[in-house]
């Protein structure tokens, strides 16, 4: 999904689109670059955010 879609999906975290973009550009949020676009796996981003918040995320 693109950045706008990700921001809508993660609205409950209260994170602005600009912050998500800056974190992805800095390599602190997982994303795939496709030319100028950044594409995201929302589950991977959510897991990274929870991990940064100190919550353990385990795969099944």
PDB file of N, CA and C in Angstrom:
ATOM      1  N   UNK A   1       0.836  -1.168   0.000  1.00  0.00           N
ATOM      2  CA  UNK A   1       0.000   0.000   0.000  1.00  0.00           C
ATOM      3  C   UNK A   1       0.883   1.233   0.000  1.00  0.00           C
ATOM      4  N   UNK A   2       0.314   2.340  -0.465  1.00  0.00           N
ATOM      5  CA  UNK A   2       1.107   3.571  -0.503  1.00  0.00           C
ATOM      6  C   UNK A   2       1.044   4.302   0.840  1.00  0.00           C
ATOM      7  N   UNK A   3       1.733   5.417   0.922  1.00  0.00           N
ATOM      8  CA  UNK A   3       1.852   6.146   2.179  1.00  0.00           C
ATOM      9  C   UNK A   3       0.502   6.658   2.689  1.00  0.00           C
ATOM     10  N   UNK A   4      -0.321   7.197   1.805  1.00  0.00           N
ATOM     11  CA  UNK A   4      -1.631   7.717   2.223  1.00  0.00           C
ATOM     12  C   UNK A   4      -2.514   6.605   2.770  1.00  0.00           C
ATOM     13  N   UNK A   5      -2.489   5.460   2.117  1.00  0.00           N
ATOM     14  CA  UNK A   5      -3.280   4.318   2.587  1.00  0.00           C
ATOM     15  C   UNK A   5      -2.781   3.841   3.944  1.00  0.00           C
ATOM     16  N   UNK A   6      -1.468   3.809   4.108  1.00  0.00           N
ATOM     17  CA  UNK A   6      -0.884   3.388   5.381  1.00  0.00           C
ATOM     18  C   UNK A   6      -1.305   4.337   6.504  1.00  0.00           C
ATOM     19  N   UNK A   7      -1.237   5.635   6.249  1.00  0.00           N
ATOM     20  CA  UNK A   7      -1.607   6.621   7.265  1.00  0.00           C
ATOM     21  C   UNK A   7      -3.065   6.438   7.685  1.00  0.00           C
ATOM     22  N   UNK A   8      -3.950   6.174   6.721  1.00  0.00           N
ATOM     23  CA  UNK A   8      -5.360   5.938   7.062  1.00  0.00           C
ATOM     24  C   UNK A   8      -5.516   4.675   7.893  1.00  0.00           C
ATOM     25  N   UNK A   9      -4.797   3.632   7.522  1.00  0.00           N
ATOM     26  CA  UNK A   9      -4.921   2.360   8.240  1.00  0.00           C
ATOM     27  C   UNK A   9      -4.394   2.459   9.672  1.00  0.00           C
ATOM     28  N   UNK A  10      -3.357   3.261   9.883  1.00  0.00           N
ATOM     29  CA  UNK A  10      -2.746   3.387  11.205  1.00  0.00           C
ATOM     30  C   UNK A  10      -3.246   4.616  11.958  1.00  0.00           C
ATOM     31  N   UNK A  11      -4.382   5.127  11.566  1.00  0.00           N
ATOM     32  CA  UNK A  11      -4.943   6.335  12.179  1.00  0.00           C
ATOM     33  C   UNK A  11      -5.052   6.224  13.698  1.00  0.00           C
ATOM     34  N   UNK A  12      -5.334   5.022  14.204  1.00  0.00           N
ATOM     35  CA  UNK A  12      -5.502   4.849  15.656  1.00  0.00           C
ATOM     36  C   UNK A  12      -4.230   5.162  16.439  1.00  0.00           C
ATOM     37  N   UNK A  13      -3.075   5.108  15.785  1.00  0.00           N
ATOM     38  CA  UNK A  13      -1.820   5.454  16.440  1.00  0.00           C
ATOM     39  C   UNK A  13      -1.613   6.969  16.507  1.00  0.00           C
ATOM     40  N   UNK A  14      -2.383   7.724  15.726  1.00  0.00           N
ATOM     41  CA  UNK A  14      -2.275   9.175  15.735  1.00  0.00           C
ATOM     42  C   UNK A  14      -0.991   9.705  15.121  1.00  0.00           C
ATOM     43  N   UNK A  15      -0.468   8.989  14.137  1.00  0.00           N
ATOM     44  CA  UNK A  15       0.798   9.380  13.517  1.00  0.00           C
ATOM     45  C   UNK A  15       0.544  10.133  12.214  1.00  0.00           C
ATOM     46  N   UNK A  16       1.090  11.332  12.079  1.00  0.00           N
ATOM     47  CA  UNK A  16       0.901  12.086  10.836  1.00  0.00           C
ATOM     48  C   UNK A  16       1.629  11.433   9.667  1.00  0.00           C
ATOM     49  N   UNK A  17       1.104  11.661   8.484  1.00  0.00           N
ATOM     50  CA  UNK A  17       1.702  11.124   7.261  1.00  0.00           C
ATOM     51  C   UNK A  17       3.160  11.568   7.126  1.00  0.00           C
ATOM     52  N   UNK A  18       3.432  12.823   7.442  1.00  0.00           N
ATOM     53  CA  UNK A  18       4.804  13.345   7.324  1.00  0.00           C
ATOM     54  C   UNK A  18       5.761  12.579   8.233  1.00  0.00           C
ATOM     55  N   UNK A  19       5.310  12.213   9.430  1.00  0.00           N
ATOM     56  CA  UNK A  19       6.162  11.469  10.355  1.00  0.00           C
ATOM     57  C   UNK A  19       6.436  10.067   9.817  1.00  0.00           C
ATOM     58  N   UNK A  20       5.390   9.410   9.302  1.00  0.00           N
ATOM     59  CA  UNK A  20       5.565   8.071   8.730  1.00  0.00           C
ATOM     60  C   UNK A  20       6.569   8.118   7.573  1.00  0.00           C
ATOM     61  N   UNK A  21       6.438   9.118   6.719  1.00  0.00           N
ATOM     62  CA  UNK A  21       7.351   9.256   5.586  1.00  0.00           C
ATOM     63  C   UNK A  21       8.785   9.472   6.061  1.00  0.00           C
ATOM     64  N   UNK A  22       8.963  10.359   7.025  1.00  0.00           N
ATOM     65  CA  UNK A  22      10.317  10.640   7.537  1.00  0.00           C
ATOM     66  C   UNK A  22      10.938   9.403   8.168  1.00  0.00           C
ATOM     67  N   UNK A  23      10.160   8.644   8.920  1.00  0.00           N
ATOM     68  CA  UNK A  23      10.675   7.427   9.550  1.00  0.00           C
ATOM     69  C   UNK A  23      11.048   6.376   8.502  1.00  0.00           C
ATOM     70  N   UNK A  24      10.244   6.257   7.462  1.00  0.00           N
ATOM     71  CA  UNK A  24      10.557   5.307   6.388  1.00  0.00           C
ATOM     72  C   UNK A  24      11.819   5.736   5.643  1.00  0.00           C
ATOM     73  N   UNK A  25      11.925   7.019   5.347  1.00  0.00           N
ATOM     74  CA  UNK A  25      13.118   7.519   4.651  1.00  0.00           C
ATOM     75  C   UNK A  25      14.378   7.330   5.479  1.00  0.00           C
ATOM     76  N   UNK A  26      14.236   7.393   6.805  1.00  0.00           N
ATOM     77  CA  UNK A  26      15.387   7.214   7.699  1.00  0.00           C
ATOM     78  C   UNK A  26      15.702   5.739   7.929  1.00  0.00           C
ATOM     79  N   UNK A  27      14.854   4.845   7.408  1.00  0.00           N
ATOM     80  CA  UNK A  27      15.093   3.411   7.561  1.00  0.00           C
ATOM     81  C   UNK A  27      14.567   2.835   8.860  1.00  0.00           C
ATOM     82  N   UNK A  28      13.754   3.588   9.577  1.00  0.00           N
ATOM     83  CA  UNK A  28      13.220   3.107  10.852  1.00  0.00           C
ATOM     84  C   UNK A  28      11.868   2.424  10.720  1.00  0.00           C
ATOM     85  N   UNK A  29      11.249   2.534   9.543  1.00  0.00           N
ATOM     86  CA  UNK A  29      10.027   1.794   9.240  1.00  0.00           C
ATOM     87  C   UNK A  29      10.260   1.038   7.937  1.00  0.00           C
ATOM     88  N   UNK A  30       9.829  -0.217   7.885  1.00  0.00           N
ATOM     89  CA  UNK A  30      10.065  -1.015   6.680  1.00  0.00           C
ATOM     90  C   UNK A  30       9.223  -0.526   5.505  1.00  0.00           C
ATOM     91  N   UNK A  31       9.878  -0.376   4.353  1.00  0.00           N
ATOM     92  CA  UNK A  31       9.170  -0.008   3.131  1.00  0.00           C
ATOM     93  C   UNK A  31       9.967  -0.507   1.934  1.00  0.00           C
ATOM     94  N   UNK A  32       9.299  -0.532   0.814  1.00  0.00           N
ATOM     95  CA  UNK A  32       9.916  -0.921  -0.449  1.00  0.00           C
ATOM     96  C   UNK A  32       9.878   0.296  -1.353  1.00  0.00           C
ATOM     97  N   UNK A  33      10.989   0.650  -1.920  1.00  0.00           N
ATOM     98  CA  UNK A  33      11.048   1.777  -2.850  1.00  0.00           C
ATOM     99  C   UNK A  33      10.763   1.282  -4.257  1.00  0.00           C
ATOM    100  N   UNK A  34       9.856   1.989  -4.937  1.00  0.00           N
ATOM    101  CA  UNK A  34       9.548   1.707  -6.339  1.00  0.00           C
ATOM    102  C   UNK A  34       9.646   3.040  -7.071  1.00  0.00           C
ATOM    103  N   UNK A  35      10.839   3.356  -7.545  1.00  0.00           N
ATOM    104  CA  UNK A  35      11.071   4.673  -8.122  1.00  0.00           C
ATOM    105  C   UNK A  35      11.009   5.706  -7.010  1.00  0.00           C
ATOM    106  N   UNK A  36      10.123   6.677  -7.152  1.00  0.00           N
ATOM    107  CA  UNK A  36       9.961   7.697  -6.121  1.00  0.00           C
ATOM    108  C   UNK A  36       8.931   7.294  -5.073  1.00  0.00           C
ATOM    109  N   UNK A  37       8.181   6.249  -5.348  1.00  0.00           N
ATOM    110  CA  UNK A  37       7.131   5.814  -4.423  1.00  0.00           C
ATOM    111  C   UNK A  37       7.690   4.917  -3.330  1.00  0.00           C
ATOM    112  N   UNK A  38       7.056   5.001  -2.176  1.00  0.00           N
ATOM    113  CA  UNK A  38       7.345   4.084  -1.085  1.00  0.00           C
ATOM    114  C   UNK A  38       6.114   3.214  -0.907  1.00  0.00           C
ATOM    115  N   UNK A  39       6.327   1.904  -0.863  1.00  0.00           N
ATOM    116  CA  UNK A  39       5.235   0.961  -0.669  1.00  0.00           C
ATOM    117  C   UNK A  39       5.436   0.252   0.660  1.00  0.00           C
ATOM    118  N   UNK A  40       4.324  -0.008   1.353  1.00  0.00           N
ATOM    119  CA  UNK A  40       4.387  -0.526   2.708  1.00  0.00           C
ATOM    120  C   UNK A  40       3.544  -1.775   2.878  1.00  0.00           C
ATOM    121  N   UNK A  41       4.004  -2.663   3.742  1.00  0.00           N
ATOM    122  CA  UNK A  41       3.212  -3.785   4.239  1.00  0.00           C
ATOM    123  C   UNK A  41       2.726  -3.327   5.607  1.00  0.00           C
ATOM    124  N   UNK A  42       1.425  -3.087   5.735  1.00  0.00           N
ATOM    125  CA  UNK A  42       0.904  -2.494   6.973  1.00  0.00           C
ATOM    126  C   UNK A  42       1.176  -3.357   8.195  1.00  0.00           C
ATOM    127  N   UNK A  43       1.149  -4.672   8.040  1.00  0.00           N
ATOM    128  CA  UNK A  43       1.431  -5.561   9.175  1.00  0.00           C
ATOM    129  C   UNK A  43       2.880  -5.419   9.628  1.00  0.00           C
ATOM    130  N   UNK A  44       3.802  -5.299   8.683  1.00  0.00           N
ATOM    131  CA  UNK A  44       5.220  -5.134   9.034  1.00  0.00           C
ATOM    132  C   UNK A  44       5.456  -3.793   9.713  1.00  0.00           C
ATOM    133  N   UNK A  45       4.794  -2.748   9.222  1.00  0.00           N
ATOM    134  CA  UNK A  45       4.947  -1.424   9.836  1.00  0.00           C
ATOM    135  C   UNK A  45       4.361  -1.426  11.242  1.00  0.00           C
ATOM    136  N   UNK A  46       3.178  -2.007  11.402  1.00  0.00           N
ATOM    137  CA  UNK A  46       2.560  -2.055  12.724  1.00  0.00           C
ATOM    138  C   UNK A  46       3.429  -2.837  13.703  1.00  0.00           C
ATOM    139  N   UNK A  47       3.994  -3.954  13.255  1.00  0.00           N
ATOM    140  CA  UNK A  47       4.884  -4.734  14.115  1.00  0.00           C
ATOM    141  C   UNK A  47       6.110  -3.918  14.504  1.00  0.00           C
ATOM    142  N   UNK A  48       6.666  -3.152  13.564  1.00  0.00           N
ATOM    143  CA  UNK A  48       7.832  -2.316  13.864  1.00  0.00           C
ATOM    144  C   UNK A  48       7.474  -1.234  14.883  1.00  0.00           C
ATOM    145  N   UNK A  49       6.286  -0.642  14.743  1.00  0.00           N
ATOM    146  CA  UNK A  49       5.860   0.389  15.696  1.00  0.00           C
ATOM    147  C   UNK A  49       5.650  -0.192  17.088  1.00  0.00           C
ATOM    148  N   UNK A  50       5.020  -1.358  17.154  1.00  0.00           N
ATOM    149  CA  UNK A  50       4.802  -2.001  18.454  1.00  0.00           C
ATOM    150  C   UNK A  50       6.124  -2.412  19.088  1.00  0.00           C
ATOM    151  N   UNK A  51       7.049  -2.881  18.263  1.00  0.00           N
ATOM    152  CA  UNK A  51       8.368  -3.253  18.752  1.00  0.00           C
ATOM    153  C   UNK A  51       9.088  -2.036  19.333  1.00  0.00           C
ATOM    154  N   UNK A  52       8.989  -0.902  18.649  1.00  0.00           N
ATOM    155  CA  UNK A  52       9.612   0.332  19.150  1.00  0.00           C
ATOM    156  C   UNK A  52       8.961   0.806  20.442  1.00  0.00           C
ATOM    157  N   UNK A  53       7.677   0.491  20.596  1.00  0.00           N
ATOM    158  CA  UNK A  53       6.968   0.892  21.816  1.00  0.00           C
ATOM    159  C   UNK A  53       7.282  -0.046  22.984  1.00  0.00           C
ATOM    160  N   UNK A  54       8.051  -1.090  22.705  1.00  0.00           N
ATOM    161  CA  UNK A  54       8.467  -1.994  23.763  1.00  0.00           C
ATOM    162  C   UNK A  54       7.566  -3.208  23.940  1.00  0.00           C
ATOM    163  N   UNK A  55       6.645  -3.418  23.019  1.00  0.00           N
ATOM    164  CA  UNK A  55       5.780  -4.588  23.094  1.00  0.00           C
ATOM    165  C   UNK A  55       6.382  -5.684  22.230  1.00  0.00           C
ATOM    166  N   UNK A  56       6.363  -6.882  22.722  1.00  0.00           N
ATOM    167  CA  UNK A  56       6.916  -8.018  21.994  1.00  0.00           C
ATOM    168  C   UNK A  56       5.908  -8.456  20.941  1.00  0.00           C
ATOM    169  N   UNK A  57       6.363  -8.590  19.713  1.00  0.00           N
ATOM    170  CA  UNK A  57       5.518  -9.060  18.621  1.00  0.00           C
ATOM    171  C   UNK A  57       6.100 -10.374  18.151  1.00  0.00           C
ATOM    172  N   UNK A  58       5.281 -11.406  18.163  1.00  0.00           N
ATOM    173  CA  UNK A  58       5.746 -12.735  17.739  1.00  0.00           C
ATOM    174  C   UNK A  58       4.938 -13.193  16.544  1.00  0.00           C
ATOM    175  N   UNK A  59       5.589 -13.822  15.594  1.00  0.00           N
ATOM    176  CA  UNK A  59       4.892 -14.421  14.464  1.00  0.00           C
ATOM    177  C   UNK A  59       4.341 -15.768  14.871  1.00  0.00           C
ATOM    178  N   UNK A  60       3.244 -16.148  14.266  1.00  0.00           N
ATOM    179  CA  UNK A  60       2.630 -17.458  14.578  1.00  0.00           C
ATOM    180  C   UNK A  60       3.270 -18.569  13.826  1.00  0.00           C
TER     181      UNK A  60
END
